Amino acid sequence: MFSSRPLYQRMLRIHERLSSGQCVSLQQLVDELEVSDRTVKRDIEYLRDRLGAPIEWIRAKRGYGYTAPFDKLPTISISADEALAIALAGKVFQAWEGSPLGVALTAGLEKMAGAVGNAVSIASDELDALIVSPPGERTGESERSLLGQLIEAANSRSEVRFVYKKPHETPSARHVRPLHLARLDYQWILIAQDVPQDAIRKFVITRIEALKRLDSIFEPPSDFDLEAYLSGSLGRHTGDESHTVVIEFDAFAAPYVKEERWRPERRIEALPDERIRVSMTLNNLVDIRRYLLSWGRHAIAIEPAKLRDAVRSELKAMNGHYGEGEEY
């Protein structure tokens, strides 16, 4: 069972129930907080041992209660950046609660929650309202399991084998050395060294099946620079060529494009009529082609010719779908 409330909200709820002077059973807290009994017991231990709450199990009433008055839990005095970091961490760590990895992550979050700063004071029950997780960003159970296993394999430098199923291709067996996991283009990606090919490759986590951790230990390649590896990519695609890309955006698109955070270093030049010209160096043209098409008539590919040809071919194919002069 996964927690539907972060640690700080659960502690506040427990505190509120016990402050009323009533005894509350373990099952009542489990039902109200929508967590396991083990989680409730850990929360109570945290309140009692770390925060000094006078909580005791009252056998006669078969429930938990306060044996003395206890003031409202203090706010967490931290900087705004730290508050945001803790709130974000709580959202991320919930995905692994109950697993060995989740226990370690939650323990780390609990330590951070006790940090004291001097910038601002934010009530802990307000932190969760700051962050919203879009439904599409939720991690599935199978993906959680794979992520946990791959993180542990990368941390222990253990080689792994798995079956990789790319769309429109026959599944293939892979033997790799996990180096990093990254969130690229809204998907979890494994960056690993392909052992037979002795090359760095990217693998979409949801395409991995039958993962097996091996006994063989490896040393990461000393000449691999993750930042440099990702610097020429807009999304999850990576290539071996170098392309100088130049795109012009009209006055409508320009302010939005300026706001975007692009991983490759880009250069922006102001043009007449509030237009802009964006230049960058990429190692593939797959993601930039999709990006250009998303802007429609508001963007024009200037260079390279290969990119212009790719966009032209795509538009021609699309025109075949929709035709000319038809009404819908």
C-alpha atoms as a PDB file:
ATOM      1  CA  MET A   1       0.000   0.000   0.000  1.00  0.00           C
ATOM      2  CA  PHE A   2       1.410   3.390  -0.969  1.00  0.00           C
ATOM      3  CA  SER A   3       0.983   6.537   1.084  1.00  0.00           C
ATOM      4  CA  SER A   4      -1.544   9.044  -0.243  1.00  0.00           C
ATOM      5  CA  ARG A   5      -0.282  11.734   2.165  1.00  0.00           C
ATOM      6  CA  PRO A   6       3.267  12.934   2.765  1.00  0.00           C
ATOM      7  CA  LEU A   7       4.951  12.461   6.133  1.00  0.00           C
ATOM      8  CA  TYR A   8       4.321  15.978   7.441  1.00  0.00           C
ATOM      9  CA  GLN A   9       0.579  15.798   6.708  1.00  0.00           C
ATOM     10  CA  ARG A  10       0.280  12.434   8.414  1.00  0.00           C
ATOM     11  CA  MET A  11       2.067  13.677  11.551  1.00  0.00           C
ATOM     12  CA  LEU A  12      -0.184  16.719  11.755  1.00  0.00           C
ATOM     13  CA  ARG A  13      -3.290  14.561  11.419  1.00  0.00           C
ATOM     14  CA  ILE A  14      -2.099  12.195  14.162  1.00  0.00           C
ATOM     15  CA  HIS A  15      -1.286  15.172  16.390  1.00  0.00           C
ATOM     16  CA  GLU A  16      -4.735  16.706  15.819  1.00  0.00           C
ATOM     17  CA  ARG A  17      -6.506  13.457  16.704  1.00  0.00           C
ATOM     18  CA  LEU A  18      -4.482  12.908  19.888  1.00  0.00           C
ATOM     19  CA  SER A  19      -4.772  16.567  20.961  1.00  0.00           C
ATOM     20  CA  SER A  20      -8.529  16.151  21.209  1.00  0.00           C
ATOM     21  CA  GLY A  21      -7.994  14.079  24.366  1.00  0.00           C
ATOM     22  CA  GLN A  22      -9.352  10.911  22.827  1.00  0.00           C
ATOM     23  CA  CYS A  23      -7.614   7.583  22.398  1.00  0.00           C
ATOM     24  CA  VAL A  24      -7.267   6.545  18.781  1.00  0.00           C
ATOM     25  CA  SER A  25      -6.788   2.967  17.686  1.00  0.00           C
ATOM     26  CA  LEU A  26      -4.157   1.895  15.194  1.00  0.00           C
ATOM     27  CA  GLN A  27      -6.850   0.793  12.735  1.00  0.00           C
ATOM     28  CA  GLN A  28      -8.572   4.179  12.906  1.00  0.00           C
ATOM     29  CA  LEU A  29      -5.335   5.931  11.953  1.00  0.00           C
ATOM     30  CA  VAL A  30      -4.675   3.410   9.164  1.00  0.00           C
ATOM     31  CA  ASP A  31      -8.138   4.076   7.706  1.00  0.00           C
ATOM     32  CA  GLU A  32      -7.946   7.852   8.027  1.00  0.00           C
ATOM     33  CA  LEU A  33      -4.420   8.219   6.639  1.00  0.00           C
ATOM     34  CA  GLU A  34      -4.829   5.513   3.979  1.00  0.00           C
ATOM     35  CA  VAL A  35      -1.477   3.927   4.776  1.00  0.00           C
ATOM     36  CA  SER A  36      -0.245   0.648   6.228  1.00  0.00           C
ATOM     37  CA  ASP A  37      -0.103  -0.051   9.968  1.00  0.00           C
ATOM     38  CA  ARG A  38       3.715  -0.149   9.704  1.00  0.00           C
ATOM     39  CA  THR A  39       3.709   3.392   8.322  1.00  0.00           C
ATOM     40  CA  VAL A  40       1.476   4.634  11.170  1.00  0.00           C
ATOM     41  CA  LYS A  41       3.747   3.013  13.756  1.00  0.00           C
ATOM     42  CA  ARG A  42       6.814   4.654  12.178  1.00  0.00           C
ATOM     43  CA  ASP A  43       5.053   8.039  12.198  1.00  0.00           C
ATOM     44  CA  ILE A  44       4.148   7.649  15.871  1.00  0.00           C
ATOM     45  CA  GLU A  45       7.723   6.665  16.720  1.00  0.00           C
ATOM     46  CA  TYR A  46       8.965   9.736  14.862  1.00  0.00           C
ATOM     47  CA  LEU A  47       6.561  12.014  16.754  1.00  0.00           C
ATOM     48  CA  ARG A  48       7.499  10.475  20.126  1.00  0.00           C
ATOM     49  CA  ASP A  49      11.248   9.945  19.715  1.00  0.00           C
ATOM     50  CA  ARG A  50      12.244  12.816  17.429  1.00  0.00           C
ATOM     51  CA  LEU A  51       9.731  15.542  18.288  1.00  0.00           C
ATOM     52  CA  GLY A  52       9.096  14.692  21.951  1.00  0.00           C
ATOM     53  CA  ALA A  53       5.359  14.082  21.692  1.00  0.00           C
ATOM     54  CA  PRO A  54       4.049  12.357  24.907  1.00  0.00           C
ATOM     55  CA  ILE A  55       2.406   9.469  23.053  1.00  0.00           C
ATOM     56  CA  GLU A  56       1.683   6.173  24.812  1.00  0.00           C
ATOM     57  CA  TRP A  57      -0.267   3.041  24.029  1.00  0.00           C
ATOM     58  CA  ILE A  58      -3.091   2.983  26.591  1.00  0.00           C
ATOM     59  CA  ARG A  59      -3.884  -0.693  27.035  1.00  0.00           C
ATOM     60  CA  ALA A  60      -7.197  -0.185  28.844  1.00  0.00           C
ATOM     61  CA  LYS A  61      -8.595   1.848  25.947  1.00  0.00           C
ATOM     62  CA  ARG A  62      -6.720  -0.102  23.256  1.00  0.00           C
ATOM     63  CA  GLY A  63      -5.473   3.041  21.591  1.00  0.00           C
ATOM     64  CA  TYR A  64      -2.851   5.775  21.428  1.00  0.00           C
ATOM     65  CA  GLY A  65      -3.175   8.949  23.454  1.00  0.00           C
ATOM     66  CA  TYR A  66      -1.294  11.943  24.822  1.00  0.00           C
ATOM     67  CA  THR A  67      -0.313  11.615  28.473  1.00  0.00           C
ATOM     68  CA  ALA A  68       0.360  15.340  28.810  1.00  0.00           C
ATOM     69  CA  PRO A  69      -0.495  18.560  26.959  1.00  0.00           C
ATOM     70  CA  PHE A  70       1.563  18.974  23.787  1.00  0.00           C
ATOM     71  CA  ASP A  71       1.752  22.240  21.886  1.00  0.00           C
ATOM     72  CA  LYS A  72       1.020  22.353  18.169  1.00  0.00           C
ATOM     73  CA  LEU A  73       3.833  20.993  16.066  1.00  0.00           C
ATOM     74  CA  PRO A  74       6.322  23.706  15.153  1.00  0.00           C
ATOM     75  CA  THR A  75       6.674  24.979  11.637  1.00  0.00           C
ATOM     76  CA  ILE A  76       9.688  23.966   9.615  1.00  0.00           C
ATOM     77  CA  SER A  77      11.919  27.018   9.410  1.00  0.00           C
ATOM     78  CA  ILE A  78      13.665  26.760   6.060  1.00  0.00           C
ATOM     79  CA  SER A  79      14.343  28.805   2.968  1.00  0.00           C
ATOM     80  CA  ALA A  80      11.817  28.925   0.140  1.00  0.00           C
ATOM     81  CA  ASP A  81      14.149  26.861  -2.043  1.00  0.00           C
ATOM     82  CA  GLU A  82      14.483  24.222   0.682  1.00  0.00           C
ATOM     83  CA  ALA A  83      10.707  24.126   1.180  1.00  0.00           C
ATOM     84  CA  LEU A  84      10.189  23.547  -2.517  1.00  0.00           C
ATOM     85  CA  ALA A  85      12.867  20.861  -2.563  1.00  0.00           C
ATOM     86  CA  ILE A  86      11.251  18.972   0.335  1.00  0.00           C
ATOM     87  CA  ALA A  87       7.794  19.212  -1.221  1.00  0.00           C
ATOM     88  CA  LEU A  88       9.099  17.926  -4.541  1.00  0.00           C
ATOM     89  CA  ALA A  89      11.048  15.175  -2.824  1.00  0.00           C
ATOM     90  CA  GLY A  90       7.918  14.038  -1.006  1.00  0.00           C
ATOM     91  CA  LYS A  91       6.081  13.701  -4.310  1.00  0.00           C
ATOM     92  CA  VAL A  92       8.890  11.708  -5.865  1.00  0.00           C
ATOM     93  CA  PHE A  93       9.626   9.454  -2.877  1.00  0.00           C
ATOM     94  CA  GLN A  94       5.979   8.372  -2.528  1.00  0.00           C
ATOM     95  CA  ALA A  95       6.382   6.298  -5.698  1.00  0.00           C
ATOM     96  CA  TRP A  96       8.817   3.928  -3.976  1.00  0.00           C
ATOM     97  CA  GLU A  97       7.286   3.715  -0.490  1.00  0.00           C
ATOM     98  CA  GLY A  98       7.375   0.188   0.859  1.00  0.00           C
ATOM     99  CA  SER A  99      10.326  -0.929  -1.261  1.00  0.00           C
ATOM    100  CA  PRO A 100      13.927  -1.123   0.058  1.00  0.00           C
ATOM    101  CA  LEU A 101      14.747   1.927  -2.030  1.00  0.00           C
ATOM    102  CA  GLY A 102      11.698   3.746  -0.669  1.00  0.00           C
ATOM    103  CA  VAL A 103      12.740   3.115   2.927  1.00  0.00           C
ATOM    104  CA  ALA A 104      16.132   4.696   2.270  1.00  0.00           C
ATOM    105  CA  LEU A 105      14.635   7.663   0.396  1.00  0.00           C
ATOM    106  CA  THR A 106      11.988   8.295   3.047  1.00  0.00           C
ATOM    107  CA  ALA A 107      14.602   8.166   5.796  1.00  0.00           C
ATOM    108  CA  GLY A 108      16.591  10.795   3.934  1.00  0.00           C
ATOM    109  CA  LEU A 109      13.516  12.990   3.530  1.00  0.00           C
ATOM    110  CA  GLU A 110      12.742  12.751   7.236  1.00  0.00           C
ATOM    111  CA  LYS A 111      16.242  13.998   8.036  1.00  0.00           C
ATOM    112  CA  MET A 112      15.806  16.935   5.651  1.00  0.00           C
ATOM    113  CA  ALA A 113      12.435  17.776   7.173  1.00  0.00           C
ATOM    114  CA  GLY A 114      14.166  18.451  10.466  1.00  0.00           C
ATOM    115  CA  ALA A 115      16.545  21.009   8.972  1.00  0.00           C
ATOM    116  CA  VAL A 116      16.431  24.504  10.415  1.00  0.00           C
ATOM    117  CA  GLY A 117      17.168  27.600   8.364  1.00  0.00           C
ATOM    118  CA  ASN A 118      16.652  31.304   8.875  1.00  0.00           C
ATOM    119  CA  ALA A 119      14.993  32.602   5.726  1.00  0.00           C
ATOM    120  CA  VAL A 120      11.267  31.896   6.005  1.00  0.00           C
ATOM    121  CA  SER A 121       8.942  29.826   8.146  1.00  0.00           C
ATOM    122  CA  ILE A 122       6.378  27.668   6.321  1.00  0.00           C
ATOM    123  CA  ALA A 123       3.785  25.528   8.076  1.00  0.00           C
ATOM    124  CA  SER A 124       4.465  21.943   7.123  1.00  0.00           C
ATOM    125  CA  ASP A 125       0.800  21.195   6.371  1.00  0.00           C
ATOM    126  CA  GLU A 126       0.893  23.871   3.656  1.00  0.00           C
ATOM    127  CA  LEU A 127       3.836  22.430   1.747  1.00  0.00           C
ATOM    128  CA  ASP A 128       1.858  19.736  -0.071  1.00  0.00           C
ATOM    129  CA  ALA A 129      -0.501  22.305  -1.574  1.00  0.00           C
ATOM    130  CA  LEU A 130       2.425  23.928  -3.372  1.00  0.00           C
ATOM    131  CA  ILE A 131       3.069  21.017  -5.702  1.00  0.00           C
ATOM    132  CA  VAL A 132       0.679  19.353  -8.133  1.00  0.00           C
ATOM    133  CA  SER A 133       1.565  16.107  -9.892  1.00  0.00           C
ATOM    134  CA  PRO A 134      -0.150  15.833 -13.297  1.00  0.00           C
ATOM    135  CA  PRO A 135      -1.911  12.462 -13.702  1.00  0.00           C
ATOM    136  CA  GLY A 136       0.201  11.695 -16.779  1.00  0.00           C
ATOM    137  CA  GLU A 137       3.380  12.011 -14.737  1.00  0.00           C
ATOM    138  CA  ARG A 138       2.547   9.145 -12.372  1.00  0.00           C
ATOM    139  CA  THR A 139       4.978   6.262 -12.463  1.00  0.00           C
ATOM    140  CA  GLY A 140       3.480   2.811 -13.043  1.00  0.00           C
ATOM    141  CA  GLU A 141       4.171  -0.110 -10.724  1.00  0.00           C
ATOM    142  CA  SER A 142       6.314  -2.027 -13.247  1.00  0.00           C
ATOM    143  CA  GLU A 143       8.286   1.123 -14.075  1.00  0.00           C
ATOM    144  CA  ARG A 144       8.852   1.790 -10.358  1.00  0.00           C
ATOM    145  CA  SER A 145      10.236  -1.700  -9.936  1.00  0.00           C
ATOM    146  CA  LEU A 146      12.588  -1.333 -12.901  1.00  0.00           C
ATOM    147  CA  LEU A 147      13.760   2.092 -11.741  1.00  0.00           C
ATOM    148  CA  GLY A 148      14.529   0.780  -8.267  1.00  0.00           C
ATOM    149  CA  GLN A 149      16.496  -2.180  -9.623  1.00  0.00           C
ATOM    150  CA  LEU A 150      18.417  -0.041 -12.130  1.00  0.00           C
ATOM    151  CA  ILE A 151      19.264   2.627  -9.550  1.00  0.00           C
ATOM    152  CA  GLU A 152      20.629  -0.054  -7.231  1.00  0.00           C
ATOM    153  CA  ALA A 153      22.561  -1.681 -10.106  1.00  0.00           C
ATOM    154  CA  ALA A 154      24.070   1.668 -11.143  1.00  0.00           C
ATOM    155  CA  ASN A 155      24.960   2.471  -7.540  1.00  0.00           C
ATOM    156  CA  SER A 156      26.650  -0.893  -6.985  1.00  0.00           C
ATOM    157  CA  ARG A 157      28.154  -0.868 -10.511  1.00  0.00           C
ATOM    158  CA  SER A 158      26.589  -4.201 -11.367  1.00  0.00           C
ATOM    159  CA  GLU A 159      26.109  -5.260 -14.982  1.00  0.00           C
ATOM    160  CA  VAL A 160      22.590  -6.255 -16.062  1.00  0.00           C
ATOM    161  CA  ARG A 161      20.874  -8.171 -18.841  1.00  0.00           C
ATOM    162  CA  PHE A 162      17.405  -7.533 -20.204  1.00  0.00           C
ATOM    163  CA  VAL A 163      15.164  -7.915 -23.225  1.00  0.00           C
ATOM    164  CA  TYR A 164      14.604  -4.648 -25.085  1.00  0.00           C
ATOM    165  CA  LYS A 165      11.458  -4.159 -27.185  1.00  0.00           C
ATOM    166  CA  LYS A 166      11.688  -1.185 -29.558  1.00  0.00           C
ATOM    167  CA  PRO A 167       8.555  -0.373 -31.575  1.00  0.00           C
ATOM    168  CA  HIS A 168       8.425  -2.109 -34.981  1.00  0.00           C
ATOM    169  CA  GLU A 169      11.524  -4.196 -34.170  1.00  0.00           C
ATOM    170  CA  THR A 170      12.124  -7.729 -32.933  1.00  0.00           C
ATOM    171  CA  PRO A 171      12.900  -7.873 -29.160  1.00  0.00           C
ATOM    172  CA  SER A 172      16.620  -8.220 -28.539  1.00  0.00           C
ATOM    173  CA  ALA A 173      18.785  -9.329 -25.599  1.00  0.00           C
ATOM    174  CA  ARG A 174      20.992  -6.579 -24.143  1.00  0.00           C
ATOM    175  CA  HIS A 175      23.996  -6.728 -21.808  1.00  0.00           C
ATOM    176  CA  VAL A 176      24.784  -3.288 -20.356  1.00  0.00           C
ATOM    177  CA  ARG A 177      26.501  -1.364 -17.582  1.00  0.00           C
ATOM    178  CA  PRO A 178      23.998   1.100 -16.016  1.00  0.00           C
ATOM    179  CA  LEU A 179      25.514   4.571 -15.623  1.00  0.00           C
ATOM    180  CA  HIS A 180      22.688   7.071 -15.145  1.00  0.00           C
ATOM    181  CA  LEU A 181      18.891   7.411 -15.106  1.00  0.00           C
ATOM    182  CA  ALA A 182      17.339  10.567 -16.489  1.00  0.00           C
ATOM    183  CA  ARG A 183      13.894  12.031 -17.087  1.00  0.00           C
ATOM    184  CA  LEU A 184      13.967  13.042 -20.758  1.00  0.00           C
ATOM    185  CA  ASP A 185      11.032  14.005 -22.951  1.00  0.00           C
ATOM    186  CA  TYR A 186       8.569  12.914 -20.198  1.00  0.00           C
ATOM    187  CA  GLN A 187      10.063   9.408 -19.988  1.00  0.00           C
ATOM    188  CA  TRP A 188      12.551   7.651 -17.719  1.00  0.00           C
ATOM    189  CA  ILE A 189      15.677   6.786 -19.693  1.00  0.00           C
ATOM    190  CA  LEU A 190      18.571   4.497 -18.783  1.00  0.00           C
ATOM    191  CA  ILE A 191      21.948   5.725 -20.006  1.00  0.00           C
ATOM    192  CA  ALA A 192      24.257   2.724 -20.116  1.00  0.00           C
ATOM    193  CA  GLN A 193      27.350   1.277 -21.708  1.00  0.00           C
ATOM    194  CA  ASP A 194      26.458  -1.477 -24.182  1.00  0.00           C
ATOM    195  CA  VAL A 195      29.017  -4.194 -23.390  1.00  0.00           C
ATOM    196  CA  PRO A 196      29.191  -6.046 -26.748  1.00  0.00           C
ATOM    197  CA  GLN A 197      29.301  -2.800 -28.753  1.00  0.00           C
ATOM    198  CA  ASP A 198      31.390  -0.855 -26.229  1.00  0.00           C
ATOM    199  CA  ALA A 199      29.203   2.207 -26.819  1.00  0.00           C
ATOM    200  CA  ILE A 200      26.984   4.490 -24.749  1.00  0.00           C
ATOM    201  CA  ARG A 201      23.294   3.942 -25.437  1.00  0.00           C
ATOM    202  CA  LYS A 202      19.915   5.196 -24.170  1.00  0.00           C
ATOM    203  CA  PHE A 203      17.111   2.807 -23.233  1.00  0.00           C
ATOM    204  CA  VAL A 204      13.477   3.754 -22.551  1.00  0.00           C
ATOM    205  CA  ILE A 205      12.596   2.102 -19.221  1.00  0.00           C
ATOM    206  CA  THR A 206       9.114   1.020 -20.288  1.00  0.00           C
ATOM    207  CA  ARG A 207      10.629  -1.035 -23.130  1.00  0.00           C
ATOM    208  CA  ILE A 208      12.739  -3.154 -20.775  1.00  0.00           C
ATOM    209  CA  GLU A 209      11.626  -6.657 -19.808  1.00  0.00           C
ATOM    210  CA  ALA A 210      13.125  -9.630 -17.950  1.00  0.00           C
ATOM    211  CA  LEU A 211      15.737  -7.521 -16.161  1.00  0.00           C
ATOM    212  CA  LYS A 212      18.439  -9.578 -14.442  1.00  0.00           C
ATOM    213  CA  ARG A 213      21.244  -8.226 -12.287  1.00  0.00           C
ATOM    214  CA  LEU A 214      24.594  -9.972 -12.853  1.00  0.00           C
ATOM    215  CA  ASP A 215      27.413 -10.724 -10.430  1.00  0.00           C
ATOM    216  CA  SER A 216      30.011  -8.953 -12.598  1.00  0.00           C
ATOM    217  CA  ILE A 217      31.144  -5.525 -11.354  1.00  0.00           C
ATOM    218  CA  PHE A 218      32.341  -2.771 -13.694  1.00  0.00           C
ATOM    219  CA  GLU A 219      34.208   0.516 -13.591  1.00  0.00           C
ATOM    220  CA  PRO A 220      32.425   3.418 -15.341  1.00  0.00           C
ATOM    221  CA  PRO A 221      34.316   4.725 -18.400  1.00  0.00           C
ATOM    222  CA  SER A 222      36.620   7.498 -17.201  1.00  0.00           C
ATOM    223  CA  ASP A 223      36.192   9.504 -20.400  1.00  0.00           C
ATOM    224  CA  PHE A 224      32.376   9.616 -20.309  1.00  0.00           C
ATOM    225  CA  ASP A 225      30.941  13.088 -19.623  1.00  0.00           C
ATOM    226  CA  LEU A 226      27.176  12.966 -19.022  1.00  0.00           C
ATOM    227  CA  GLU A 227      26.694  16.715 -19.458  1.00  0.00           C
ATOM    228  CA  ALA A 228      28.540  16.685 -22.761  1.00  0.00           C
ATOM    229  CA  TYR A 229      26.622  13.589 -23.874  1.00  0.00           C
ATOM    230  CA  LEU A 230      23.262  15.291 -23.303  1.00  0.00           C
ATOM    231  CA  SER A 231      24.276  18.784 -24.387  1.00  0.00           C
ATOM    232  CA  GLY A 232      23.520  18.213 -28.062  1.00  0.00           C
ATOM    233  CA  SER A 233      20.062  16.685 -27.530  1.00  0.00           C
ATOM    234  CA  LEU A 234      16.668  18.333 -27.221  1.00  0.00           C
ATOM    235  CA  GLY A 235      14.950  15.162 -26.048  1.00  0.00           C
ATOM    236  CA  ARG A 236      15.769  11.502 -25.622  1.00  0.00           C
ATOM    237  CA  HIS A 237      17.333  11.010 -29.072  1.00  0.00           C
ATOM    238  CA  THR A 238      21.109  11.160 -29.468  1.00  0.00           C
ATOM    239  CA  GLY A 239      23.201  11.004 -32.651  1.00  0.00           C
ATOM    240  CA  ASP A 240      26.837  10.917 -33.665  1.00  0.00           C
ATOM    241  CA  GLU A 241      26.803  13.820 -36.140  1.00  0.00           C
ATOM    242  CA  SER A 242      27.076  17.527 -35.440  1.00  0.00           C
ATOM    243  CA  HIS A 243      24.411  19.793 -36.958  1.00  0.00           C
ATOM    244  CA  THR A 244      24.347  23.589 -36.880  1.00  0.00           C
ATOM    245  CA  VAL A 245      20.628  24.385 -36.644  1.00  0.00           C
ATOM    246  CA  VAL A 246      19.152  27.810 -37.399  1.00  0.00           C
ATOM    247  CA  ILE A 247      15.454  28.544 -36.942  1.00  0.00           C
ATOM    248  CA  GLU A 248      13.495  31.784 -37.314  1.00  0.00           C
ATOM    249  CA  PHE A 249      10.389  32.409 -35.195  1.00  0.00           C
ATOM    250  CA  ASP A 250       7.762  35.059 -35.903  1.00  0.00           C
ATOM    251  CA  ALA A 251       6.530  37.728 -33.482  1.00  0.00           C
ATOM    252  CA  PHE A 252       3.840  35.406 -32.087  1.00  0.00           C
ATOM    253  CA  ALA A 253       6.221  32.569 -31.165  1.00  0.00           C
ATOM    254  CA  ALA A 254       9.266  34.656 -30.160  1.00  0.00           C
ATOM    255  CA  PRO A 255       8.285  35.508 -26.537  1.00  0.00           C
ATOM    256  CA  TYR A 256       7.331  31.894 -25.805  1.00  0.00           C
ATOM    257  CA  VAL A 257      10.554  30.542 -27.284  1.00  0.00           C
ATOM    258  CA  LYS A 258      12.593  32.979 -25.166  1.00  0.00           C
ATOM    259  CA  GLU A 259      10.916  31.625 -22.029  1.00  0.00           C
ATOM    260  CA  GLU A 260      11.775  28.002 -22.762  1.00  0.00           C
ATOM    261  CA  ARG A 261      14.732  26.304 -21.097  1.00  0.00           C
ATOM    262  CA  TRP A 262      16.775  24.488 -23.717  1.00  0.00           C
ATOM    263  CA  ARG A 263      19.449  21.988 -22.779  1.00  0.00           C
ATOM    264  CA  PRO A 264      21.853  22.807 -25.682  1.00  0.00           C
ATOM    265  CA  GLU A 265      23.477  26.219 -25.587  1.00  0.00           C
ATOM    266  CA  ARG A 266      21.537  28.459 -27.930  1.00  0.00           C
ATOM    267  CA  ARG A 267      22.101  31.876 -29.412  1.00  0.00           C
ATOM    268  CA  ILE A 268      19.202  34.270 -29.974  1.00  0.00           C
ATOM    269  CA  GLU A 269      19.407  37.131 -32.471  1.00  0.00           C
ATOM    270  CA  ALA A 270      16.756  39.843 -32.693  1.00  0.00           C
ATOM    271  CA  LEU A 271      15.244  40.417 -36.141  1.00  0.00           C
ATOM    272  CA  PRO A 272      12.936  43.133 -37.523  1.00  0.00           C
ATOM    273  CA  ASP A 273       9.217  42.954 -36.715  1.00  0.00           C
ATOM    274  CA  GLU A 274       9.906  41.339 -33.314  1.00  0.00           C
ATOM    275  CA  ARG A 275      11.062  38.092 -34.926  1.00  0.00           C
ATOM    276  CA  ILE A 276      14.049  36.127 -33.606  1.00  0.00           C
ATOM    277  CA  ARG A 277      16.647  33.756 -35.029  1.00  0.00           C
ATOM    278  CA  VAL A 278      17.765  30.848 -32.819  1.00  0.00           C
ATOM    279  CA  SER A 279      21.024  28.993 -33.509  1.00  0.00           C
ATOM    280  CA  MET A 280      22.343  25.877 -31.785  1.00  0.00           C
ATOM    281  CA  THR A 281      24.444  22.769 -32.342  1.00  0.00           C
ATOM    282  CA  LEU A 282      22.674  19.401 -32.110  1.00  0.00           C
ATOM    283  CA  ASN A 283      23.811  15.802 -32.501  1.00  0.00           C
ATOM    284  CA  ASN A 284      20.534  14.682 -34.156  1.00  0.00           C
ATOM    285  CA  LEU A 285      17.585  16.220 -36.033  1.00  0.00           C
ATOM    286  CA  VAL A 286      14.760  13.989 -34.787  1.00  0.00           C
ATOM    287  CA  ASP A 287      13.580  16.053 -31.811  1.00  0.00           C
ATOM    288  CA  ILE A 288      14.073  19.439 -33.467  1.00  0.00           C
ATOM    289  CA  ARG A 289      11.978  18.315 -36.444  1.00  0.00           C
ATOM    290  CA  ARG A 290       9.094  17.426 -34.121  1.00  0.00           C
ATOM    291  CA  TYR A 291       9.568  20.730 -32.292  1.00  0.00           C
ATOM    292  CA  LEU A 292       9.441  22.714 -35.547  1.00  0.00           C
ATOM    293  CA  LEU A 293       6.263  20.981 -36.673  1.00  0.00           C
ATOM    294  CA  SER A 294       4.619  21.793 -33.334  1.00  0.00           C
ATOM    295  CA  TRP A 295       5.026  25.513 -34.101  1.00  0.00           C
ATOM    296  CA  GLY A 296       3.475  25.209 -37.549  1.00  0.00           C
ATOM    297  CA  ARG A 297       3.636  28.410 -39.595  1.00  0.00           C
ATOM    298  CA  HIS A 298       5.256  30.350 -36.756  1.00  0.00           C
ATOM    299  CA  ALA A 299       8.707  28.754 -37.281  1.00  0.00           C
ATOM    300  CA  ILE A 300      10.958  28.349 -40.329  1.00  0.00           C
ATOM    301  CA  ALA A 301      13.975  26.040 -40.560  1.00  0.00           C
ATOM    302  CA  ILE A 302      16.839  27.955 -42.162  1.00  0.00           C
ATOM    303  CA  GLU A 303      19.687  25.453 -41.700  1.00  0.00           C
ATOM    304  CA  PRO A 304      20.711  22.736 -42.322  1.00  0.00           C
ATOM    305  CA  ALA A 305      19.271  21.724 -45.691  1.00  0.00           C
ATOM    306  CA  LYS A 306      18.719  18.205 -44.321  1.00  0.00           C
ATOM    307  CA  LEU A 307      16.347  19.591 -41.693  1.00  0.00           C
ATOM    308  CA  ARG A 308      14.435  21.656 -44.273  1.00  0.00           C
ATOM    309  CA  ASP A 309      14.086  18.560 -46.455  1.00  0.00           C
ATOM    310  CA  ALA A 310      12.855  16.475 -43.506  1.00  0.00           C
ATOM    311  CA  VAL A 311      10.188  19.048 -42.589  1.00  0.00           C
ATOM    312  CA  ARG A 312       9.156  19.405 -46.226  1.00  0.00           C
ATOM    313  CA  SER A 313       8.755  15.631 -46.602  1.00  0.00           C
ATOM    314  CA  GLU A 314       6.696  15.439 -43.407  1.00  0.00           C
ATOM    315  CA  LEU A 315       4.399  18.247 -44.534  1.00  0.00           C
ATOM    316  CA  LYS A 316       3.932  16.581 -47.908  1.00  0.00           C
ATOM    317  CA  ALA A 317       2.935  13.327 -46.212  1.00  0.00           C
ATOM    318  CA  MET A 318       0.559  15.187 -43.890  1.00  0.00           C
ATOM    319  CA  ASN A 319      -1.017  16.966 -46.847  1.00  0.00           C
ATOM    320  CA  GLY A 320      -1.743  13.531 -48.296  1.00  0.00           C
ATOM    321  CA  HIS A 321      -3.782  12.759 -45.201  1.00  0.00           C
ATOM    322  CA  TYR A 322      -5.810  15.960 -45.223  1.00  0.00           C
ATOM    323  CA  GLY A 323      -5.883  16.968 -48.893  1.00  0.00           C
ATOM    324  CA  GLU A 324      -6.378  20.479 -50.208  1.00  0.00           C
ATOM    325  CA  GLY A 325      -9.539  22.501 -50.132  1.00  0.00           C
ATOM    326  CA  GLU A 326     -11.551  19.876 -48.266  1.00  0.00           C
ATOM    327  CA  GLU A 327     -14.026  20.903 -45.617  1.00  0.00           C
ATOM    328  CA  TYR A 328     -14.237  19.206 -42.209  1.00  0.00           C
END
